[in-house]
Amino acid sequence: YFVDWKSNSLGIDSTSYAPENIATEMARNFYNLQLGIYAVALHRYLRRRLRGYEYEEHFGGAFYIFLRGTDPGKPENGIFFTRPPREFVEQLDEVFHGNP
C-alpha cells in the first residue's frame, strides 16, 4: 500500500468529501496520473526488494486521504482507495522505460 495525505479544501463539512466529490478532485488535480507514477515506483521497489514478489499478493493498493473530510460518523467520506490492475502498472512501467 501507499498513502498520500491531502489537505485540499472541498467545502465546509465532511459531506463535501463524499466519494463523488473526491473522484472529481482526483481528476481535476491529475492525482490519477500521480497515482500511476507512485504505483510504478512502489512496484519497482517491491520487485527489487522482495524475493518472489507477485503484484497480486504484495501490492495492496493506494489510499488518498483528504484530511479535512475524514469523519468517523461517515467513514466513506474523505478517503479514496484503488488498486490499479497489474497490467496497467506493468504497461506504464514499460512506457517509463521507453517501450510504449
Foldseek 3Di string as FASTA:
>chain_A
DEEAEAQDDQDDALVSQAPVNVVVVCVVVVVVVVQLVVLLVVVVVCVVPPVPDDCVPPPDWYKYAHVRNDDPVCNNGRIDTDHDDPVSSVVVNCVVVVRD
